[in-house]
N, C-alpha and C. Protein backbone atom coordinates (compact mmCIF):
# COMPACT_ATOMS: atom_id res chain seq x y z
N MET A 1 0.74 -1.11 0.09
CA MET A 1 -0.04 -0.03 -0.07
C MET A 1 0.88 1.28 0.14
N ASN A 2 0.58 2.21 -0.73
CA ASN A 2 1.40 3.50 -0.76
C ASN A 2 0.80 4.54 0.17
N ASN A 3 1.69 5.53 0.22
CA ASN A 3 1.17 6.59 1.20
C ASN A 3 -0.07 7.13 1.03
N ILE A 4 -0.59 7.37 -0.30
CA ILE A 4 -1.81 8.03 -0.51
C ILE A 4 -2.84 7.03 0.08
N GLU A 5 -2.99 5.73 -0.22
CA GLU A 5 -3.83 4.79 0.15
C GLU A 5 -3.81 4.69 1.69
N THR A 6 -2.52 4.73 2.30
CA THR A 6 -2.61 4.57 3.83
C THR A 6 -3.04 5.80 4.51
N ALA A 7 -3.06 6.88 3.82
CA ALA A 7 -3.51 7.86 4.44
C ALA A 7 -5.12 8.06 4.45
N VAL A 8 -5.67 7.66 3.24
CA VAL A 8 -7.00 7.34 3.04
C VAL A 8 -7.61 6.49 3.87
N ASP A 9 -6.81 5.43 4.03
CA ASP A 9 -7.41 4.29 4.91
C ASP A 9 -7.47 4.71 6.23
N CYS A 10 -6.34 5.45 6.75
CA CYS A 10 -6.29 5.93 8.23
C CYS A 10 -7.49 6.78 8.42
N PHE A 11 -7.88 7.69 7.36
CA PHE A 11 -9.24 8.58 7.64
C PHE A 11 -10.12 7.86 7.75
N LYS A 12 -10.44 6.84 6.95
CA LYS A 12 -11.68 5.80 6.75
C LYS A 12 -11.71 5.11 8.22
N GLY A 13 -10.60 4.66 8.81
CA GLY A 13 -10.58 4.00 9.86
C GLY A 13 -10.91 4.93 11.16
N GLY A 14 -11.35 6.11 11.07
CA GLY A 14 -11.61 6.83 12.18
C GLY A 14 -10.85 8.00 12.71
N PHE A 15 -9.63 8.15 12.17
CA PHE A 15 -8.74 9.18 12.49
C PHE A 15 -9.32 10.36 11.70
N ASN A 16 -8.98 11.75 12.23
CA ASN A 16 -9.35 12.96 11.45
C ASN A 16 -8.43 13.01 10.21
N CYS A 17 -8.73 13.97 9.29
CA CYS A 17 -8.01 14.20 7.92
C CYS A 17 -6.48 14.62 8.50
N SER A 18 -6.30 15.52 9.38
CA SER A 18 -4.99 15.98 9.81
C SER A 18 -3.95 14.85 10.43
N GLN A 19 -4.70 13.92 11.20
CA GLN A 19 -4.04 12.58 11.82
C GLN A 19 -3.53 11.77 10.46
N ALA A 20 -4.79 11.63 9.66
CA ALA A 20 -4.42 10.59 8.56
C ALA A 20 -3.17 11.21 7.82
N ILE A 21 -2.92 12.40 7.63
CA ILE A 21 -1.63 12.90 6.82
C ILE A 21 -0.56 12.89 7.52
N LEU A 22 -0.60 13.48 8.81
CA LEU A 22 0.74 13.44 9.58
C LEU A 22 1.35 11.91 10.01
N SER A 23 0.20 11.11 10.42
CA SER A 23 0.59 9.89 10.69
C SER A 23 1.30 8.93 9.83
N THR A 24 0.86 9.25 8.57
CA THR A 24 1.37 8.57 7.40
C THR A 24 2.80 8.64 7.22
N TYR A 25 3.18 10.00 7.33
CA TYR A 25 4.61 10.40 6.90
C TYR A 25 5.61 10.44 8.06
N CYS A 26 4.97 10.53 9.25
CA CYS A 26 5.79 10.94 10.29
C CYS A 26 6.97 10.19 10.80
N GLU A 27 6.76 8.66 10.70
CA GLU A 27 7.84 8.20 11.10
C GLU A 27 9.18 7.90 10.38
N SER A 28 8.94 8.24 8.94
CA SER A 28 9.96 8.32 8.12
C SER A 28 10.81 9.72 8.23
N LEU A 29 10.22 10.63 8.95
CA LEU A 29 10.73 11.93 9.20
C LEU A 29 11.20 11.94 10.62
N GLY A 30 11.01 11.08 11.44
CA GLY A 30 11.62 11.02 12.73
C GLY A 30 10.59 11.33 13.88
N LEU A 31 9.31 11.17 13.65
CA LEU A 31 8.32 11.56 14.63
C LEU A 31 7.53 10.39 14.79
N ASP A 32 7.45 9.86 16.03
CA ASP A 32 6.66 8.82 16.69
C ASP A 32 5.35 8.86 16.11
N ARG A 33 4.51 7.74 15.70
CA ARG A 33 3.31 7.76 15.19
C ARG A 33 2.30 8.24 16.38
N GLU A 34 2.34 7.59 17.48
CA GLU A 34 1.26 8.22 18.67
C GLU A 34 1.79 9.58 18.73
N ALA A 35 2.74 10.20 18.77
CA ALA A 35 3.03 11.61 18.96
C ALA A 35 2.32 12.32 17.91
N ALA A 36 2.37 11.98 16.84
CA ALA A 36 1.77 12.55 15.45
C ALA A 36 0.34 12.31 15.60
N LEU A 37 -0.45 11.51 16.09
CA LEU A 37 -1.71 11.26 16.11
C LEU A 37 -2.22 12.26 17.08
N ARG A 38 -1.36 12.28 18.12
CA ARG A 38 -1.98 13.26 19.26
C ARG A 38 -1.72 14.74 18.86
N LEU A 39 -0.72 14.91 18.34
CA LEU A 39 -0.28 16.22 17.88
C LEU A 39 -1.26 16.74 16.80
N ALA A 40 -1.71 15.99 15.83
CA ALA A 40 -2.72 16.45 14.81
C ALA A 40 -4.06 16.34 15.17
N SER A 41 -4.62 15.73 16.39
CA SER A 41 -5.86 15.62 16.87
C SER A 41 -6.59 16.84 16.72
N GLY A 42 -6.09 18.02 17.11
CA GLY A 42 -7.08 19.07 17.21
C GLY A 42 -7.10 19.96 15.95
N PHE A 43 -6.56 19.41 14.83
CA PHE A 43 -6.58 20.11 13.42
C PHE A 43 -7.84 19.67 12.60
N GLY A 44 -8.44 18.58 12.94
CA GLY A 44 -9.62 18.09 12.06
C GLY A 44 -10.60 19.02 12.05
N GLY A 45 -11.28 18.87 10.83
CA GLY A 45 -12.59 19.58 10.52
C GLY A 45 -12.20 21.14 10.52
N GLY A 46 -11.07 21.51 9.96
CA GLY A 46 -10.58 22.99 9.85
C GLY A 46 -10.53 23.46 11.26
N MET A 47 -9.42 22.94 11.88
CA MET A 47 -9.13 23.39 13.26
C MET A 47 -10.15 23.18 14.20
N GLY A 48 -10.26 22.06 14.68
CA GLY A 48 -11.22 21.73 15.91
C GLY A 48 -12.64 22.03 15.50
N CYS A 49 -12.89 21.41 14.24
CA CYS A 49 -14.37 21.57 13.62
C CYS A 49 -14.85 22.90 13.35
N MET A 50 -13.98 24.01 13.25
CA MET A 50 -14.35 25.47 13.17
C MET A 50 -14.46 25.75 11.63
N GLY A 51 -14.23 24.87 10.72
CA GLY A 51 -14.50 25.09 9.28
C GLY A 51 -13.40 25.92 8.55
N GLY A 52 -12.15 26.02 9.37
CA GLY A 52 -11.03 26.78 8.86
C GLY A 52 -10.51 25.93 7.88
N VAL A 53 -8.95 26.24 7.95
CA VAL A 53 -8.00 25.50 6.93
C VAL A 53 -8.33 23.88 7.23
N CYS A 54 -8.50 23.25 6.02
CA CYS A 54 -8.63 21.78 5.85
C CYS A 54 -7.66 21.16 6.96
N GLY A 55 -8.09 20.00 7.67
CA GLY A 55 -7.10 19.43 8.57
C GLY A 55 -6.08 18.59 7.45
N ALA A 56 -6.55 18.17 6.35
CA ALA A 56 -5.71 17.38 5.53
C ALA A 56 -4.43 18.39 5.05
N VAL A 57 -4.86 19.64 4.87
CA VAL A 57 -3.82 20.70 4.33
C VAL A 57 -2.82 20.93 5.83
N THR A 58 -3.51 21.18 6.86
CA THR A 58 -2.65 21.47 7.95
C THR A 58 -1.70 20.36 8.43
N GLY A 59 -2.26 19.08 8.20
CA GLY A 59 -1.22 17.82 8.36
C GLY A 59 -0.19 17.95 7.27
N ALA A 60 -0.51 18.21 6.17
CA ALA A 60 0.72 18.30 5.10
C ALA A 60 1.61 19.40 5.52
N PHE A 61 1.00 20.51 6.02
CA PHE A 61 2.19 21.60 6.49
C PHE A 61 3.03 21.21 7.49
N MET A 62 2.41 20.09 8.55
CA MET A 62 3.29 19.63 9.55
C MET A 62 4.23 18.61 8.77
N VAL A 63 3.88 17.92 7.83
CA VAL A 63 4.76 16.98 7.20
C VAL A 63 5.90 17.84 6.66
N LEU A 64 5.78 19.05 6.02
CA LEU A 64 6.56 19.74 5.27
C LEU A 64 7.72 20.29 6.31
N GLY A 65 7.02 20.72 7.40
CA GLY A 65 7.82 21.17 8.52
C GLY A 65 8.83 20.23 9.08
N LEU A 66 8.24 19.10 9.16
CA LEU A 66 9.21 17.87 9.69
C LEU A 66 10.37 17.62 8.58
N ALA A 67 9.84 17.67 7.33
CA ALA A 67 10.83 17.40 6.37
C ALA A 67 11.90 18.55 6.13
N HIS A 68 11.45 19.63 6.29
CA HIS A 68 12.42 20.77 5.79
C HIS A 68 12.43 21.98 6.85
N GLY A 69 11.87 21.88 7.82
CA GLY A 69 11.64 22.92 8.87
C GLY A 69 12.69 23.35 9.62
N SER A 70 12.86 24.40 10.37
CA SER A 70 14.16 24.71 11.11
C SER A 70 13.81 24.24 12.53
N ALA A 71 15.11 23.78 13.12
CA ALA A 71 15.16 23.37 14.69
C ALA A 71 15.81 24.45 15.27
N SER A 72 16.42 25.35 14.98
CA SER A 72 17.20 26.42 15.62
C SER A 72 16.51 27.77 15.22
N ALA A 73 16.44 28.65 16.28
CA ALA A 73 15.95 29.95 15.99
C ALA A 73 16.58 30.74 14.87
N GLY A 74 17.97 30.43 14.81
CA GLY A 74 18.71 31.17 13.72
C GLY A 74 18.62 30.67 12.36
N ASP A 75 18.04 29.64 12.21
CA ASP A 75 18.02 28.81 10.93
C ASP A 75 16.95 29.48 9.84
N LYS A 76 17.15 30.86 9.61
CA LYS A 76 16.21 31.57 8.63
C LYS A 76 16.04 30.89 7.27
N PRO A 77 17.06 30.32 6.68
CA PRO A 77 17.00 29.80 5.26
C PRO A 77 16.09 28.54 5.35
N ALA A 78 16.05 27.75 6.51
CA ALA A 78 14.95 26.50 6.73
C ALA A 78 13.71 27.07 6.76
N LYS A 79 13.64 28.34 7.54
CA LYS A 79 12.21 28.62 7.93
C LYS A 79 11.53 29.23 6.59
N GLU A 80 12.33 30.02 5.83
CA GLU A 80 12.04 30.60 4.51
C GLU A 80 11.59 29.40 3.50
N ARG A 81 12.49 28.49 3.43
CA ARG A 81 12.28 27.23 2.40
C ARG A 81 10.91 26.73 2.84
N THR A 82 10.60 26.40 4.12
CA THR A 82 9.52 25.80 4.62
C THR A 82 8.29 26.71 4.22
N TYR A 83 8.23 27.97 4.51
CA TYR A 83 7.23 28.89 4.17
C TYR A 83 6.80 28.79 2.55
N ALA A 84 8.10 28.78 1.79
CA ALA A 84 7.89 28.61 0.41
C ALA A 84 7.11 27.32 -0.09
N LEU A 85 7.62 26.04 0.65
CA LEU A 85 6.87 24.96 0.37
C LEU A 85 5.47 24.82 0.78
N VAL A 86 5.07 25.61 1.97
CA VAL A 86 3.82 25.54 2.28
C VAL A 86 2.94 26.41 1.19
N ARG A 87 3.54 27.52 0.73
CA ARG A 87 2.70 28.36 -0.35
C ARG A 87 2.50 27.45 -1.36
N GLU A 88 3.62 26.69 -1.91
CA GLU A 88 3.65 25.79 -2.99
C GLU A 88 2.55 24.72 -2.78
N PHE A 89 2.31 24.16 -1.91
CA PHE A 89 1.39 23.10 -1.56
C PHE A 89 -0.11 23.69 -1.66
N VAL A 90 -0.04 24.84 -1.04
CA VAL A 90 -1.53 25.52 -1.14
C VAL A 90 -1.77 25.85 -2.68
N ARG A 91 -0.89 26.40 -3.32
CA ARG A 91 -1.22 26.73 -4.69
C ARG A 91 -1.61 25.34 -5.42
N ARG A 92 -1.05 24.45 -5.20
CA ARG A 92 -1.32 22.92 -5.99
C ARG A 92 -2.81 22.46 -5.48
N PHE A 93 -2.91 22.61 -3.94
CA PHE A 93 -4.12 22.10 -3.35
C PHE A 93 -5.36 22.97 -4.10
N GLU A 94 -5.07 24.28 -4.10
CA GLU A 94 -6.14 25.29 -4.45
C GLU A 94 -6.46 25.01 -6.11
N THR A 95 -5.48 24.70 -6.82
CA THR A 95 -5.79 24.37 -8.19
C THR A 95 -6.60 23.11 -8.30
N CYS A 96 -6.63 22.04 -7.43
CA CYS A 96 -7.45 20.96 -7.59
C CYS A 96 -8.81 21.15 -6.74
N ASN A 97 -8.86 21.98 -5.89
CA ASN A 97 -10.07 22.18 -5.06
C ASN A 97 -10.69 23.57 -4.89
N HIS A 98 -10.01 24.44 -5.33
CA HIS A 98 -10.34 25.85 -5.25
C HIS A 98 -10.39 26.52 -4.04
N SER A 99 -10.05 25.84 -2.96
CA SER A 99 -9.85 26.61 -1.60
C SER A 99 -8.98 25.54 -0.60
N ILE A 100 -8.63 25.89 0.40
CA ILE A 100 -7.97 25.20 1.60
C ILE A 100 -8.91 25.15 2.75
N LEU A 101 -10.15 25.94 2.66
CA LEU A 101 -10.95 26.07 3.65
C LEU A 101 -12.04 25.03 3.98
N CYS A 102 -12.12 24.38 4.94
CA CYS A 102 -13.07 23.18 5.16
C CYS A 102 -14.32 23.55 4.79
N ARG A 103 -14.90 24.77 5.36
CA ARG A 103 -16.29 25.21 4.92
C ARG A 103 -16.44 25.45 3.42
N ASP A 104 -15.57 25.83 2.66
CA ASP A 104 -15.58 25.92 1.23
C ASP A 104 -15.73 24.65 0.60
N LEU A 105 -14.81 23.56 1.03
CA LEU A 105 -14.58 22.36 0.37
C LEU A 105 -15.81 21.62 0.55
N LEU A 106 -16.39 21.66 1.87
CA LEU A 106 -17.74 20.90 2.15
C LEU A 106 -19.01 21.55 1.62
N GLY A 107 -19.01 22.72 1.37
CA GLY A 107 -19.98 23.61 0.89
C GLY A 107 -20.97 23.87 2.12
N CYS A 108 -20.61 23.62 3.21
CA CYS A 108 -21.24 24.16 4.61
C CYS A 108 -20.50 24.35 5.74
N ASP A 109 -20.81 25.04 6.70
CA ASP A 109 -20.03 25.32 7.90
C ASP A 109 -20.30 24.44 8.94
N ILE A 110 -19.35 23.49 9.24
CA ILE A 110 -19.44 22.43 10.35
C ILE A 110 -19.25 23.08 11.58
N SER A 111 -18.92 24.32 11.69
CA SER A 111 -18.72 24.94 13.18
C SER A 111 -20.10 25.28 13.58
N THR A 112 -21.26 25.02 12.91
CA THR A 112 -22.49 25.30 13.46
C THR A 112 -23.17 24.04 13.31
N ALA A 113 -24.21 23.92 14.44
CA ALA A 113 -25.10 22.49 14.43
C ALA A 113 -25.70 22.22 13.18
N ASP A 114 -26.42 23.28 12.47
CA ASP A 114 -27.17 23.09 11.45
C ASP A 114 -26.10 22.71 10.09
N GLY A 115 -24.94 23.07 10.10
CA GLY A 115 -23.83 22.89 9.05
C GLY A 115 -23.48 21.49 9.42
N MET A 116 -23.13 21.10 10.47
CA MET A 116 -22.56 20.01 10.87
C MET A 116 -23.86 18.81 10.35
N GLN A 117 -24.97 19.00 10.75
CA GLN A 117 -26.02 18.36 10.48
C GLN A 117 -26.18 18.18 9.01
N ALA A 118 -26.26 19.23 8.23
CA ALA A 118 -26.17 19.11 6.78
C ALA A 118 -24.84 18.41 6.25
N ALA A 119 -23.75 18.39 6.71
CA ALA A 119 -22.65 17.92 6.37
C ALA A 119 -22.96 16.16 6.54
N ARG A 120 -23.59 15.75 7.56
CA ARG A 120 -23.66 14.52 7.90
C ARG A 120 -24.93 13.90 6.94
N GLU A 121 -25.98 14.68 6.85
CA GLU A 121 -27.00 14.27 6.23
C GLU A 121 -26.60 13.99 4.38
N ARG A 122 -25.83 14.83 3.94
CA ARG A 122 -25.34 14.82 2.58
C ARG A 122 -23.97 13.79 2.67
N ASN A 123 -23.75 13.23 3.70
CA ASN A 123 -22.54 12.26 3.72
C ASN A 123 -21.26 12.94 3.15
N LEU A 124 -20.95 14.26 3.47
CA LEU A 124 -19.92 15.03 2.96
C LEU A 124 -18.60 14.52 3.71
N LEU A 125 -18.69 14.11 4.96
CA LEU A 125 -17.63 13.66 5.69
C LEU A 125 -17.05 12.32 5.33
N THR A 126 -17.93 11.52 4.54
CA THR A 126 -17.39 10.18 3.95
C THR A 126 -16.97 10.25 2.44
N THR A 127 -17.57 11.17 1.82
CA THR A 127 -17.16 11.53 0.50
C THR A 127 -16.34 12.52 0.03
N VAL A 128 -16.52 13.81 0.62
CA VAL A 128 -15.58 14.92 0.22
C VAL A 128 -14.26 14.76 0.91
N CYS A 129 -14.45 14.51 2.28
CA CYS A 129 -13.16 14.38 3.00
C CYS A 129 -11.96 13.33 2.62
N PRO A 130 -12.61 12.23 2.44
CA PRO A 130 -11.63 11.20 1.80
C PRO A 130 -10.80 11.74 0.61
N ARG A 131 -11.45 12.58 -0.15
CA ARG A 131 -10.85 12.97 -1.39
C ARG A 131 -9.95 14.08 -1.14
N MET A 132 -10.07 14.90 0.05
CA MET A 132 -9.34 16.01 0.27
C MET A 132 -8.04 15.23 0.83
N VAL A 133 -8.18 14.28 1.74
CA VAL A 133 -6.95 13.47 2.13
C VAL A 133 -6.17 12.94 1.04
N GLN A 134 -6.83 12.32 0.12
CA GLN A 134 -6.28 11.73 -1.02
C GLN A 134 -5.30 12.83 -1.79
N ASP A 135 -6.06 14.00 -1.92
CA ASP A 135 -5.49 15.08 -2.88
C ASP A 135 -4.20 15.50 -2.10
N ALA A 136 -4.25 15.67 -0.67
CA ALA A 136 -3.31 16.37 0.18
C ALA A 136 -2.07 15.19 0.05
N ALA A 137 -2.25 14.13 0.29
CA ALA A 137 -1.35 13.07 0.22
C ALA A 137 -0.64 13.03 -1.00
N ARG A 138 -1.41 13.02 -2.07
CA ARG A 138 -0.92 12.92 -3.41
C ARG A 138 0.13 14.04 -3.72
N ILE A 139 -0.37 15.39 -3.35
CA ILE A 139 0.52 16.46 -3.69
C ILE A 139 1.65 16.35 -2.91
N LEU A 140 1.38 16.06 -1.58
CA LEU A 140 2.70 15.88 -0.58
C LEU A 140 3.70 14.98 -1.05
N GLN A 141 3.05 13.72 -1.54
CA GLN A 141 4.13 12.76 -2.14
C GLN A 141 4.84 13.37 -3.37
N GLN A 142 4.14 13.90 -4.20
CA GLN A 142 4.93 14.60 -5.46
C GLN A 142 6.05 15.52 -4.79
N MET A 143 5.52 16.39 -3.91
CA MET A 143 6.58 17.46 -3.50
C MET A 143 7.65 16.90 -2.60
N LEU A 144 7.42 15.77 -1.83
CA LEU A 144 8.62 15.19 -1.17
C LEU A 144 9.65 14.39 -2.13
N SER A 145 9.15 14.10 -3.39
CA SER A 145 9.90 13.33 -4.17
C SER A 145 10.39 14.05 -5.32
N GLU A 146 10.24 15.43 -5.42
CA GLU A 146 10.71 16.20 -6.36
C GLU A 146 12.01 16.86 -6.00
N PRO A 147 13.12 16.63 -6.78
CA PRO A 147 14.40 17.36 -6.42
C PRO A 147 14.45 18.77 -6.31
N GLU A 148 13.47 19.38 -7.06
CA GLU A 148 13.60 20.97 -7.05
C GLU A 148 12.81 21.46 -5.60
N THR A 149 12.04 20.47 -5.02
CA THR A 149 11.46 20.92 -3.83
C THR A 149 12.48 21.45 -2.82
N ALA A 150 13.62 20.72 -2.77
CA ALA A 150 14.49 20.95 -1.80
C ALA A 150 15.39 22.47 -2.07
N ALA A 151 15.01 22.89 -3.52
CA ALA A 151 15.62 23.93 -3.80
C ALA A 151 14.96 25.23 -3.59
N ILE A 152 13.55 24.91 -3.30
CA ILE A 152 12.67 26.08 -3.07
C ILE A 152 13.11 27.16 -2.03
N ALA A 153 13.14 28.39 -2.08
CA ALA A 153 13.45 29.12 -0.95
C ALA A 153 12.68 30.48 -0.99
């Protein structure tokens, strides 16, 4: 099974979108899976089910940070490279999905009781969300394997 399938299966298995992305890539980047699942647990549903930035997107940001981020306050080049990678990820994700916001992707605001009810009634969490996880994992997989990704600054 590849990372894209693993991420989608993780989501379908009951973890949120952010957990599905981060936990798929974490161990290869030096982060324990249990720690990754805990770390990403508050980012699902657009940051705590507030309909903000999609959890699959924030999970990808965390993976990009693990792969390329700075671990010292003075490492400005790593910080800038990570910011550039995040912007590139957003550009690619928006090309596929026109937004990175959960409420836009779902077409309803799950931060409200009515919005969450609509999402459940329309099965959006089981139809739209797996596609967002799949797209995020696919884009992330491409970016992590591209030699030029390391050169983005």
